[in-house]
PDB file of N, CA and C in Angstrom:
ATOM      1  N   MET A   1      -3.108  48.361  77.438  1.00  0.00           N
ATOM      2  CA  MET A   1      -2.958  49.465  76.262  1.00  0.00           C
ATOM      3  C   MET A   1      -2.754  48.644  74.871  1.00  0.00           C
ATOM      4  N   ALA A   2      -3.253  49.185  74.033  1.00  0.00           N
ATOM      5  CA  ALA A   2      -3.247  48.745  72.438  1.00  0.00           C
ATOM      6  C   ALA A   2      -1.891  48.976  72.108  1.00  0.00           C
ATOM      7  N   ASN A   3      -1.284  48.110  71.115  1.00  0.00           N
ATOM      8  CA  ASN A   3       0.069  48.262  70.545  1.00  0.00           C
ATOM      9  C   ASN A   3      -0.231  49.355  69.540  1.00  0.00           C
ATOM     10  N   THR A   4       0.784  49.986  69.039  1.00  0.00           N
ATOM     11  CA  THR A   4       0.691  50.882  67.920  1.00  0.00           C
ATOM     12  C   THR A   4       1.511  50.813  66.805  1.00  0.00           C
ATOM     13  N   VAL A   5       1.303  51.349  65.371  1.00  0.00           N
ATOM     14  CA  VAL A   5       1.790  51.367  64.377  1.00  0.00           C
ATOM     15  C   VAL A   5       2.371  52.810  64.076  1.00  0.00           C
ATOM     16  N   THR A   6       3.431  53.304  63.759  1.00  0.00           N
ATOM     17  CA  THR A   6       3.952  54.389  63.454  1.00  0.00           C
ATOM     18  C   THR A   6       4.524  54.146  62.149  1.00  0.00           C
ATOM     19  N   ILE A   7       3.995  55.073  61.150  1.00  0.00           N
ATOM     20  CA  ILE A   7       4.778  55.092  59.782  1.00  0.00           C
ATOM     21  C   ILE A   7       4.995  56.792  59.536  1.00  0.00           C
ATOM     22  N   GLY A   8       6.223  56.892  59.620  1.00  0.00           N
ATOM     23  CA  GLY A   8       6.697  58.591  59.650  1.00  0.00           C
ATOM     24  C   GLY A   8       6.198  59.048  60.872  1.00  0.00           C
ATOM     25  N   ARG A   9       5.322  60.259  60.770  1.00  0.00           N
ATOM     26  CA  ARG A   9       4.862  60.647  61.960  1.00  0.00           C
ATOM     27  C   ARG A   9       3.440  60.484  62.377  1.00  0.00           C
ATOM     28  N   LEU A  10       2.859  59.528  61.688  1.00  0.00           N
ATOM     29  CA  LEU A  10       1.455  58.947  61.778  1.00  0.00           C
ATOM     30  C   LEU A  10       1.622  57.899  62.811  1.00  0.00           C
ATOM     31  N   THR A  11       0.837  57.805  63.899  1.00  0.00           N
ATOM     32  CA  THR A  11       0.695  56.557  64.823  1.00  0.00           C
ATOM     33  C   THR A  11      -0.635  56.448  64.923  1.00  0.00           C
ATOM     34  N   PHE A  12      -0.881  55.394  64.887  1.00  0.00           N
ATOM     35  CA  PHE A  12      -2.658  54.819  64.995  1.00  0.00           C
ATOM     36  C   PHE A  12      -2.548  53.265  65.856  1.00  0.00           C
ATOM     37  N   THR A  13      -3.676  53.014  66.380  1.00  0.00           N
ATOM     38  CA  THR A  13      -3.716  51.681  66.833  1.00  0.00           C
ATOM     39  C   THR A  13      -3.228  50.231  66.223  1.00  0.00           C
ATOM     40  N   SER A  14      -2.962  49.615  66.461  1.00  0.00           N
ATOM     41  CA  SER A  14      -2.240  48.314  66.101  1.00  0.00           C
ATOM     42  C   SER A  14      -3.054  47.888  65.058  1.00  0.00           C
ATOM     43  N   PRO A  15      -2.869  47.277  64.082  1.00  0.00           N
ATOM     44  CA  PRO A  15      -3.689  46.488  63.033  1.00  0.00           C
ATOM     45  C   PRO A  15      -4.210  45.220  63.422  1.00  0.00           C
ATOM     46  N   SER A  16      -5.258  44.656  62.691  1.00  0.00           N
ATOM     47  CA  SER A  16      -5.845  43.538  63.429  1.00  0.00           C
ATOM     48  C   SER A  16      -5.034  42.302  62.591  1.00  0.00           C
ATOM     49  N   ASN A  17      -4.418  42.722  61.487  1.00  0.00           N
ATOM     50  CA  ASN A  17      -3.507  41.727  60.939  1.00  0.00           C
ATOM     51  C   ASN A  17      -2.038  42.579  60.415  1.00  0.00           C
ATOM     52  N   LEU A  18      -1.029  41.813  60.657  1.00  0.00           N
ATOM     53  CA  LEU A  18       0.063  42.136  60.041  1.00  0.00           C
ATOM     54  C   LEU A  18       0.952  41.098  59.504  1.00  0.00           C
ATOM     55  N   ALA A  19       0.968  41.342  58.256  1.00  0.00           N
ATOM     56  CA  ALA A  19       1.830  40.212  57.480  1.00  0.00           C
ATOM     57  C   ALA A  19       2.870  40.544  56.949  1.00  0.00           C
ATOM     58  N   TYR A  20       4.063  39.835  57.191  1.00  0.00           N
ATOM     59  CA  TYR A  20       5.447  39.963  56.446  1.00  0.00           C
ATOM     60  C   TYR A  20       5.565  39.010  55.629  1.00  0.00           C
ATOM     61  N   ASN A  21       6.253  39.174  54.415  1.00  0.00           N
ATOM     62  CA  ASN A  21       6.588  38.409  53.439  1.00  0.00           C
ATOM     63  C   ASN A  21       7.661  38.969  52.634  1.00  0.00           C
ATOM     64  N   GLY A  22       8.775  38.105  51.974  1.00  0.00           N
ATOM     65  CA  GLY A  22       9.840  38.605  51.402  1.00  0.00           C
ATOM     66  C   GLY A  22      10.107  37.130  50.231  1.00  0.00           C
ATOM     67  N   GLY A  23      11.021  37.526  49.488  1.00  0.00           N
ATOM     68  CA  GLY A  23      11.691  36.884  48.630  1.00  0.00           C
ATOM     69  C   GLY A  23      13.185  37.092  48.387  1.00  0.00           C
ATOM     70  N   ALA A  24      13.591  36.987  47.267  1.00  0.00           N
ATOM     71  CA  ALA A  24      14.971  36.938  46.974  1.00  0.00           C
ATOM     72  C   ALA A  24      15.300  38.602  46.931  1.00  0.00           C
ATOM     73  N   LYS A  25      14.325  39.437  46.242  1.00  0.00           N
ATOM     74  CA  LYS A  25      14.694  40.788  45.913  1.00  0.00           C
ATOM     75  C   LYS A  25      13.864  41.754  46.739  1.00  0.00           C
ATOM     76  N   THR A  26      12.657  41.296  47.303  1.00  0.00           N
ATOM     77  CA  THR A  26      11.525  42.177  48.003  1.00  0.00           C
ATOM     78  C   THR A  26      11.561  41.646  49.389  1.00  0.00           C
ATOM     79  N   ARG A  27      11.033  42.521  50.250  1.00  0.00           N
ATOM     80  CA  ARG A  27      10.400  42.015  51.487  1.00  0.00           C
ATOM     81  C   ARG A  27       9.170  43.186  51.684  1.00  0.00           C
ATOM     82  N   ASN A  28       8.009  42.706  52.039  1.00  0.00           N
ATOM     83  CA  ASN A  28       6.723  43.621  52.169  1.00  0.00           C
ATOM     84  C   ASN A  28       6.078  43.359  53.561  1.00  0.00           C
ATOM     85  N   TYR A  29       5.397  44.471  54.158  1.00  0.00           N
ATOM     86  CA  TYR A  29       4.607  44.447  55.158  1.00  0.00           C
ATOM     87  C   TYR A  29       3.253  44.618  54.645  1.00  0.00           C
ATOM     88  N   THR A  30       2.265  43.910  55.170  1.00  0.00           N
ATOM     89  CA  THR A  30       0.772  44.390  54.743  1.00  0.00           C
ATOM     90  C   THR A  30       0.157  44.383  56.017  1.00  0.00           C
ATOM     91  N   LEU A  31      -0.574  45.631  56.477  1.00  0.00           N
ATOM     92  CA  LEU A  31      -1.182  45.963  57.468  1.00  0.00           C
ATOM     93  C   LEU A  31      -2.530  45.958  57.129  1.00  0.00           C
ATOM     94  N   SER A  32      -3.636  45.518  57.829  1.00  0.00           N
ATOM     95  CA  SER A  32      -4.907  45.623  57.555  1.00  0.00           C
ATOM     96  C   SER A  32      -5.642  45.842  59.115  1.00  0.00           C
ATOM     97  N   GLY A  33      -6.878  46.727  58.941  1.00  0.00           N
ATOM     98  CA  GLY A  33      -7.468  46.955  60.550  1.00  0.00           C
ATOM     99  C   GLY A  33      -8.460  47.700  60.066  1.00  0.00           C
ATOM    100  N   THR A  34      -8.934  48.297  61.454  1.00  0.00           N
ATOM    101  CA  THR A  34     -10.224  49.363  61.239  1.00  0.00           C
ATOM    102  C   THR A  34      -9.809  50.425  62.577  1.00  0.00           C
ATOM    103  N   ILE A  35      -9.662  51.818  61.654  1.00  0.00           N
ATOM    104  CA  ILE A  35      -9.548  53.000  62.602  1.00  0.00           C
ATOM    105  C   ILE A  35     -10.933  53.366  62.994  1.00  0.00           C
ATOM    106  N   ALA A  36     -11.338  53.024  64.315  1.00  0.00           N
ATOM    107  CA  ALA A  36     -12.710  53.068  64.752  1.00  0.00           C
ATOM    108  C   ALA A  36     -12.750  54.501  65.585  1.00  0.00           C
ATOM    109  N   PRO A  37     -13.360  55.446  65.203  1.00  0.00           N
ATOM    110  CA  PRO A  37     -13.632  56.535  66.216  1.00  0.00           C
ATOM    111  C   PRO A  37     -14.728  56.170  66.892  1.00  0.00           C
ATOM    112  N   THR A  38     -14.384  56.307  68.451  1.00  0.00           N
ATOM    113  CA  THR A  38     -15.140  56.282  69.632  1.00  0.00           C
ATOM    114  C   THR A  38     -15.976  57.312  70.195  1.00  0.00           C
ATOM    115  N   GLY A  39     -15.521  58.313  69.769  1.00  0.00           N
ATOM    116  CA  GLY A  39     -16.266  59.631  70.313  1.00  0.00           C
ATOM    117  C   GLY A  39     -15.707  59.925  71.858  1.00  0.00           C
ATOM    118  N   ALA A  40     -16.459  60.414  72.424  1.00  0.00           N
ATOM    119  CA  ALA A  40     -16.116  60.791  73.772  1.00  0.00           C
ATOM    120  C   ALA A  40     -14.786  61.111  74.169  1.00  0.00           C
ATOM    121  N   ASN A  41     -13.946  60.277  74.845  1.00  0.00           N
ATOM    122  CA  ASN A  41     -12.432  60.681  75.269  1.00  0.00           C
ATOM    123  C   ASN A  41     -11.390  59.796  74.308  1.00  0.00           C
ATOM    124  N   GLY A  42     -12.196  59.124  73.115  1.00  0.00           N
ATOM    125  CA  GLY A  42     -11.221  58.491  72.264  1.00  0.00           C
ATOM    126  C   GLY A  42     -11.227  59.149  71.119  1.00  0.00           C
ATOM    127  N   LEU A  43     -10.739  58.449  70.223  1.00  0.00           N
ATOM    128  CA  LEU A  43     -10.437  59.051  68.796  1.00  0.00           C
ATOM    129  C   LEU A  43     -11.533  59.716  68.208  1.00  0.00           C
ATOM    130  N   ASP A  44     -11.509  60.818  67.742  1.00  0.00           N
ATOM    131  CA  ASP A  44     -12.786  61.468  67.265  1.00  0.00           C
ATOM    132  C   ASP A  44     -12.786  61.235  65.459  1.00  0.00           C
ATOM    133  N   VAL A  45     -13.843  61.643  65.044  1.00  0.00           N
ATOM    134  CA  VAL A  45     -14.116  61.467  63.607  1.00  0.00           C
ATOM    135  C   VAL A  45     -13.005  62.246  62.775  1.00  0.00           C
ATOM    136  N   ALA A  46     -12.743  63.365  63.314  1.00  0.00           N
ATOM    137  CA  ALA A  46     -11.726  64.331  62.695  1.00  0.00           C
ATOM    138  C   ALA A  46     -10.247  63.889  62.569  1.00  0.00           C
ATOM    139  N   GLU A  47     -10.093  63.135  63.744  1.00  0.00           N
ATOM    140  CA  GLU A  47      -8.672  62.296  63.766  1.00  0.00           C
ATOM    141  C   GLU A  47      -8.561  61.128  62.947  1.00  0.00           C
ATOM    142  N   ALA A  48      -9.627  60.411  62.929  1.00  0.00           N
ATOM    143  CA  ALA A  48      -9.710  59.236  62.101  1.00  0.00           C
ATOM    144  C   ALA A  48      -9.821  59.733  60.503  1.00  0.00           C
ATOM    145  N   LYS A  49     -10.259  60.621  60.190  1.00  0.00           N
ATOM    146  CA  LYS A  49     -10.308  61.297  58.622  1.00  0.00           C
ATOM    147  C   LYS A  49      -8.774  61.717  58.421  1.00  0.00           C
ATOM    148  N   TYR A  50      -8.237  62.313  59.563  1.00  0.00           N
ATOM    149  CA  TYR A  50      -6.625  62.456  59.211  1.00  0.00           C
ATOM    150  C   TYR A  50      -5.926  61.551  58.869  1.00  0.00           C
ATOM    151  N   ILE A  51      -6.074  60.340  59.779  1.00  0.00           N
ATOM    152  CA  ILE A  51      -5.479  58.978  59.447  1.00  0.00           C
ATOM    153  C   ILE A  51      -5.577  58.582  58.074  1.00  0.00           C
ATOM    154  N   ARG A  52      -6.977  58.690  57.798  1.00  0.00           N
ATOM    155  CA  ARG A  52      -7.396  58.074  56.391  1.00  0.00           C
ATOM    156  C   ARG A  52      -6.590  58.709  55.318  1.00  0.00           C
ATOM    157  N   ASP A  53      -6.655  60.022  55.410  1.00  0.00           N
ATOM    158  CA  ASP A  53      -5.869  61.011  54.314  1.00  0.00           C
ATOM    159  C   ASP A  53      -4.603  60.764  54.331  1.00  0.00           C
ATOM    160  N   GLU A  54      -4.116  60.868  55.421  1.00  0.00           N
ATOM    161  CA  GLU A  54      -2.588  60.819  55.407  1.00  0.00           C
ATOM    162  C   GLU A  54      -1.991  59.232  54.816  1.00  0.00           C
ATOM    163  N   LEU A  55      -2.760  58.263  55.170  1.00  0.00           N
ATOM    164  CA  LEU A  55      -2.484  57.172  54.603  1.00  0.00           C
ATOM    165  C   LEU A  55      -2.532  57.036  53.124  1.00  0.00           C
ATOM    166  N   VAL A  56      -3.596  57.525  52.590  1.00  0.00           N
ATOM    167  CA  VAL A  56      -3.697  57.572  51.116  1.00  0.00           C
ATOM    168  C   VAL A  56      -2.654  58.408  50.459  1.00  0.00           C
ATOM    169  N   SER A  57      -2.239  59.443  51.174  1.00  0.00           N
ATOM    170  CA  SER A  57      -1.376  60.560  50.814  1.00  0.00           C
ATOM    171  C   SER A  57       0.199  60.133  50.639  1.00  0.00           C
ATOM    172  N   MET A  58       0.366  59.134  51.692  1.00  0.00           N
ATOM    173  CA  MET A  58       1.642  58.492  51.880  1.00  0.00           C
ATOM    174  C   MET A  58       1.823  57.491  50.583  1.00  0.00           C
ATOM    175  N   ALA A  59       1.062  56.917  50.039  1.00  0.00           N
ATOM    176  CA  ALA A  59       0.998  56.214  48.953  1.00  0.00           C
ATOM    177  C   ALA A  59       1.024  56.877  47.403  1.00  0.00           C
ATOM    178  N   ASN A  60       0.811  57.927  47.416  1.00  0.00           N
ATOM    179  CA  ASN A  60       0.959  58.740  46.200  1.00  0.00           C
ATOM    180  C   ASN A  60       2.342  59.395  46.072  1.00  0.00           C
ATOM    181  N   TYR A  61       3.151  59.448  46.997  1.00  0.00           N
ATOM    182  CA  TYR A  61       4.253  59.961  47.006  1.00  0.00           C
ATOM    183  C   TYR A  61       5.675  58.945  47.090  1.00  0.00           C
ATOM    184  N   ASP A  62       6.854  58.939  46.595  1.00  0.00           N
ATOM    185  CA  ASP A  62       7.835  58.080  46.774  1.00  0.00           C
ATOM    186  C   ASP A  62       8.738  58.609  47.639  1.00  0.00           C
ATOM    187  N   ILE A  63       8.548  58.627  48.657  1.00  0.00           N
ATOM    188  CA  ILE A  63       9.070  59.066  50.130  1.00  0.00           C
ATOM    189  C   ILE A  63       9.517  57.904  51.114  1.00  0.00           C
ATOM    190  N   VAL A  64      10.579  57.937  51.610  1.00  0.00           N
ATOM    191  CA  VAL A  64      10.875  56.803  52.434  1.00  0.00           C
ATOM    192  C   VAL A  64      10.567  57.089  54.005  1.00  0.00           C
ATOM    193  N   TYR A  65       9.774  56.509  54.636  1.00  0.00           N
ATOM    194  CA  TYR A  65       9.328  56.532  56.186  1.00  0.00           C
ATOM    195  C   TYR A  65       9.739  55.358  57.081  1.00  0.00           C
ATOM    196  N   PRO A  66      10.195  55.977  58.082  1.00  0.00           N
ATOM    197  CA  PRO A  66      10.592  54.975  59.393  1.00  0.00           C
ATOM    198  C   PRO A  66       9.276  54.340  59.776  1.00  0.00           C
ATOM    199  N   PHE A  67       9.171  53.132  59.881  1.00  0.00           N
ATOM    200  CA  PHE A  67       8.150  52.200  60.308  1.00  0.00           C
ATOM    201  C   PHE A  67       8.546  51.417  61.881  1.00  0.00           C
ATOM    202  N   THR A  68       7.670  51.628  62.664  1.00  0.00           N
ATOM    203  CA  THR A  68       7.718  50.795  64.095  1.00  0.00           C
ATOM    204  C   THR A  68       6.251  50.171  64.639  1.00  0.00           C
ATOM    205  N   TYR A  69       6.378  49.010  65.244  1.00  0.00           N
ATOM    206  CA  TYR A  69       5.427  48.312  65.660  1.00  0.00           C
ATOM    207  C   TYR A  69       5.739  47.924  67.136  1.00  0.00           C
ATOM    208  N   THR A  70       4.895  48.452  67.892  1.00  0.00           N
ATOM    209  CA  THR A  70       5.220  48.277  69.390  1.00  0.00           C
ATOM    210  C   THR A  70       4.595  46.886  70.002  1.00  0.00           C
ATOM    211  N   GLY A  71       3.979  46.335  69.094  1.00  0.00           N
ATOM    212  CA  GLY A  71       3.467  44.764  69.518  1.00  0.00           C
ATOM    213  C   GLY A  71       4.968  44.070  69.124  1.00  0.00           C
ATOM    214  N   ASP A  72       5.746  44.221  68.434  1.00  0.00           N
ATOM    215  CA  ASP A  72       6.943  43.338  68.375  1.00  0.00           C
ATOM    216  C   ASP A  72       8.185  44.198  68.045  1.00  0.00           C
ATOM    217  N   THR A  73       9.076  44.589  68.899  1.00  0.00           N
ATOM    218  CA  THR A  73      10.231  45.318  68.805  1.00  0.00           C
ATOM    219  C   THR A  73      11.085  45.031  67.707  1.00  0.00           C
ATOM    220  N   THR A  74      11.138  43.881  67.202  1.00  0.00           N
ATOM    221  CA  THR A  74      12.058  43.713  65.893  1.00  0.00           C
ATOM    222  C   THR A  74      11.642  44.085  64.756  1.00  0.00           C
ATOM    223  N   ILE A  75      10.243  44.180  64.587  1.00  0.00           N
ATOM    224  CA  ILE A  75       9.713  44.949  63.561  1.00  0.00           C
ATOM    225  C   ILE A  75      10.054  46.721  63.715  1.00  0.00           C
ATOM    226  N   SER A  76      10.802  47.034  63.047  1.00  0.00           N
ATOM    227  CA  SER A  76      10.871  48.630  62.574  1.00  0.00           C
ATOM    228  C   SER A  76      12.013  48.464  61.317  1.00  0.00           C
ATOM    229  N   ALA A  77      11.780  49.380  60.408  1.00  0.00           N
ATOM    230  CA  ALA A  77      12.382  49.454  59.431  1.00  0.00           C
ATOM    231  C   ALA A  77      12.333  50.971  58.718  1.00  0.00           C
ATOM    232  N   TYR A  78      12.963  51.123  57.611  1.00  0.00           N
ATOM    233  CA  TYR A  78      12.527  52.155  56.665  1.00  0.00           C
ATOM    234  C   TYR A  78      11.651  51.498  55.508  1.00  0.00           C
ATOM    235  N   VAL A  79      10.614  51.965  55.290  1.00  0.00           N
ATOM    236  CA  VAL A  79       9.689  51.510  54.194  1.00  0.00           C
ATOM    237  C   VAL A  79       9.272  52.716  53.223  1.00  0.00           C
ATOM    238  N   LYS A  80       8.642  52.333  51.988  1.00  0.00           N
ATOM    239  CA  LYS A  80       7.787  53.073  51.370  1.00  0.00           C
ATOM    240  C   LYS A  80       6.500  52.491  51.309  1.00  0.00           C
ATOM    241  N   VAL A  81       5.576  53.330  51.435  1.00  0.00           N
ATOM    242  CA  VAL A  81       4.004  53.009  51.194  1.00  0.00           C
ATOM    243  C   VAL A  81       3.534  52.622  49.800  1.00  0.00           C
ATOM    244  N   GLU A  82       3.609  51.765  49.202  1.00  0.00           N
ATOM    245  CA  GLU A  82       3.232  50.915  48.125  1.00  0.00           C
ATOM    246  C   GLU A  82       1.658  51.255  47.649  1.00  0.00           C
ATOM    247  N   SER A  83       0.782  51.123  48.504  1.00  0.00           N
ATOM    248  CA  SER A  83      -0.716  51.352  48.293  1.00  0.00           C
ATOM    249  C   SER A  83      -1.363  51.399  49.601  1.00  0.00           C
ATOM    250  N   ALA A  84      -2.504  52.134  49.794  1.00  0.00           N
ATOM    251  CA  ALA A  84      -3.443  52.293  50.758  1.00  0.00           C
ATOM    252  C   ALA A  84      -4.735  52.270  50.368  1.00  0.00           C
ATOM    253  N   ASP A  85      -5.509  51.188  50.850  1.00  0.00           N
ATOM    254  CA  ASP A  85      -6.735  51.275  50.437  1.00  0.00           C
ATOM    255  C   ASP A  85      -7.692  51.333  51.718  1.00  0.00           C
ATOM    256  N   VAL A  86      -8.586  52.369  51.460  1.00  0.00           N
ATOM    257  CA  VAL A  86      -9.275  52.814  52.895  1.00  0.00           C
ATOM    258  C   VAL A  86     -10.800  52.720  52.506  1.00  0.00           C
ATOM    259  N   ASN A  87     -11.694  52.254  53.368  1.00  0.00           N
ATOM    260  CA  ASN A  87     -13.071  51.873  52.988  1.00  0.00           C
ATOM    261  C   ASN A  87     -13.537  52.177  54.357  1.00  0.00           C
ATOM    262  N   ILE A  88     -15.045  53.127  54.045  1.00  0.00           N
ATOM    263  CA  ILE A  88     -15.730  53.529  55.075  1.00  0.00           C
ATOM    264  C   ILE A  88     -17.103  53.007  54.894  1.00  0.00           C
ATOM    265  N   ASP A  89     -17.466  52.429  55.903  1.00  0.00           N
ATOM    266  CA  ASP A  89     -18.806  51.952  55.963  1.00  0.00           C
ATOM    267  C   ASP A  89     -19.864  53.071  56.624  1.00  0.00           C
ATOM    268  N   ARG A  90     -19.191  53.241  57.880  1.00  0.00           N
ATOM    269  CA  ARG A  90     -19.939  54.369  58.761  1.00  0.00           C
ATOM    270  C   ARG A  90     -18.942  54.620  59.632  1.00  0.00           C
ATOM    271  N   PHE A  91     -18.672  55.841  59.916  1.00  0.00           N
ATOM    272  CA  PHE A  91     -17.670  56.503  60.963  1.00  0.00           C
ATOM    273  C   PHE A  91     -17.751  55.927  62.264  1.00  0.00           C
ATOM    274  N   PHE A  92     -18.754  56.026  62.642  1.00  0.00           N
ATOM    275  CA  PHE A  92     -19.000  55.561  64.180  1.00  0.00           C
ATOM    276  C   PHE A  92     -19.596  53.968  63.866  1.00  0.00           C
ATOM    277  N   GLY A  93     -19.363  52.864  64.516  1.00  0.00           N
ATOM    278  CA  GLY A  93     -19.944  51.505  64.564  1.00  0.00           C
ATOM    279  C   GLY A  93     -18.779  51.161  63.868  1.00  0.00           C
ATOM    280  N   SER A  94     -18.940  50.894  62.461  1.00  0.00           N
ATOM    281  CA  SER A  94     -17.859  50.045  61.602  1.00  0.00           C
ATOM    282  C   SER A  94     -16.405  50.641  61.479  1.00  0.00           C
ATOM    283  N   GLY A  95     -16.383  52.268  61.470  1.00  0.00           N
ATOM    284  CA  GLY A  95     -15.072  52.616  61.462  1.00  0.00           C
ATOM    285  C   GLY A  95     -14.700  52.496  60.035  1.00  0.00           C
ATOM    286  N   ILE A  96     -13.361  52.772  59.869  1.00  0.00           N
ATOM    287  CA  ILE A  96     -12.762  53.319  58.802  1.00  0.00           C
ATOM    288  C   ILE A  96     -11.889  51.899  58.379  1.00  0.00           C
ATOM    289  N   LYS A  97     -12.292  50.979  57.460  1.00  0.00           N
ATOM    290  CA  LYS A  97     -11.218  49.726  57.242  1.00  0.00           C
ATOM    291  C   LYS A  97     -10.043  50.232  56.230  1.00  0.00           C
ATOM    292  N   TYR A  98      -8.840  49.620  56.902  1.00  0.00           N
ATOM    293  CA  TYR A  98      -7.837  50.062  55.857  1.00  0.00           C
ATOM    294  C   TYR A  98      -6.934  48.878  55.297  1.00  0.00           C
ATOM    295  N   ASN A  99      -6.162  48.991  54.325  1.00  0.00           N
ATOM    296  CA  ASN A  99      -5.303  47.819  54.055  1.00  0.00           C
ATOM    297  C   ASN A  99      -4.186  48.572  53.342  1.00  0.00           C
ATOM    298  N   VAL A 100      -2.594  48.562  53.965  1.00  0.00           N
ATOM    299  CA  VAL A 100      -1.758  49.114  53.455  1.00  0.00           C
ATOM    300  C   VAL A 100      -0.603  48.265  53.277  1.00  0.00           C
ATOM    301  N   SER A 101      -0.025  48.370  52.287  1.00  0.00           N
ATOM    302  CA  SER A 101       1.300  47.591  51.758  1.00  0.00           C
ATOM    303  C   SER A 101       2.531  48.515  51.818  1.00  0.00           C
ATOM    304  N   LEU A 102       3.367  47.934  52.442  1.00  0.00           N
ATOM    305  CA  LEU A 102       4.669  48.785  52.591  1.00  0.00           C
ATOM    306  C   LEU A 102       5.729  47.764  52.186  1.00  0.00           C
ATOM    307  N   ASN A 103       6.705  48.656  51.191  1.00  0.00           N
ATOM    308  CA  ASN A 103       7.950  47.978  50.666  1.00  0.00           C
ATOM    309  C   ASN A 103       9.048  48.090  51.652  1.00  0.00           C
ATOM    310  N   PHE A 104       9.561  47.156  52.268  1.00  0.00           N
ATOM    311  CA  PHE A 104      10.814  46.990  53.162  1.00  0.00           C
ATOM    312  C   PHE A 104      12.038  47.478  52.674  1.00  0.00           C
ATOM    313  N   LEU A 105      12.585  48.892  52.953  1.00  0.00           N
ATOM    314  CA  LEU A 105      13.830  49.149  52.336  1.00  0.00           C
ATOM    315  C   LEU A 105      15.230  48.774  53.222  1.00  0.00           C
ATOM    316  N   GLY A 106      15.127  48.662  54.333  1.00  0.00           N
ATOM    317  CA  GLY A 106      16.158  48.248  55.262  1.00  0.00           C
ATOM    318  C   GLY A 106      16.087  48.646  56.800  1.00  0.00           C
ATOM    319  N   ASN A 107      16.645  48.078  57.673  1.00  0.00           N
ATOM    320  CA  ASN A 107      16.597  48.062  59.005  1.00  0.00           C
ATOM    321  C   ASN A 107      17.329  49.710  59.481  1.00  0.00           C
ATOM    322  N   PRO A 108      16.797  50.179  60.651  1.00  0.00           N
ATOM    323  CA  PRO A 108      17.430  51.418  60.949  1.00  0.00           C
ATOM    324  C   PRO A 108      18.829  50.856  61.433  1.00  0.00           C
ATOM    325  N   GLY A 109      19.698  52.053  61.340  1.00  0.00           N
ATOM    326  CA  GLY A 109      21.134  52.115  61.806  1.00  0.00           C
ATOM    327  C   GLY A 109      21.944  51.473  60.680  1.00  0.00           C
TER     328      GLY A 109
END
């Protein structure tokens, strides 16, 4: 089973790349991957569009979201979505490519 990323109430299959960087004053996560509608019993186009719209919407607001990644239990935090880039080549086949930048605000608890 694939690992998942959860930002707020939005959960989707794990990214192909998760980068973590930080400095004296900031820490950031960058996620990139593909949301691939598979049809049949998998993710359908409507769900993929919903994820696309939510990612872009989250970047428009100054809201703090809980963030978790099931692939590494040490990665959980409160974040703000700084930017979300979404590119659609084709819904089926190529899927929806995304690149999301998260500003790390603190650990849970």
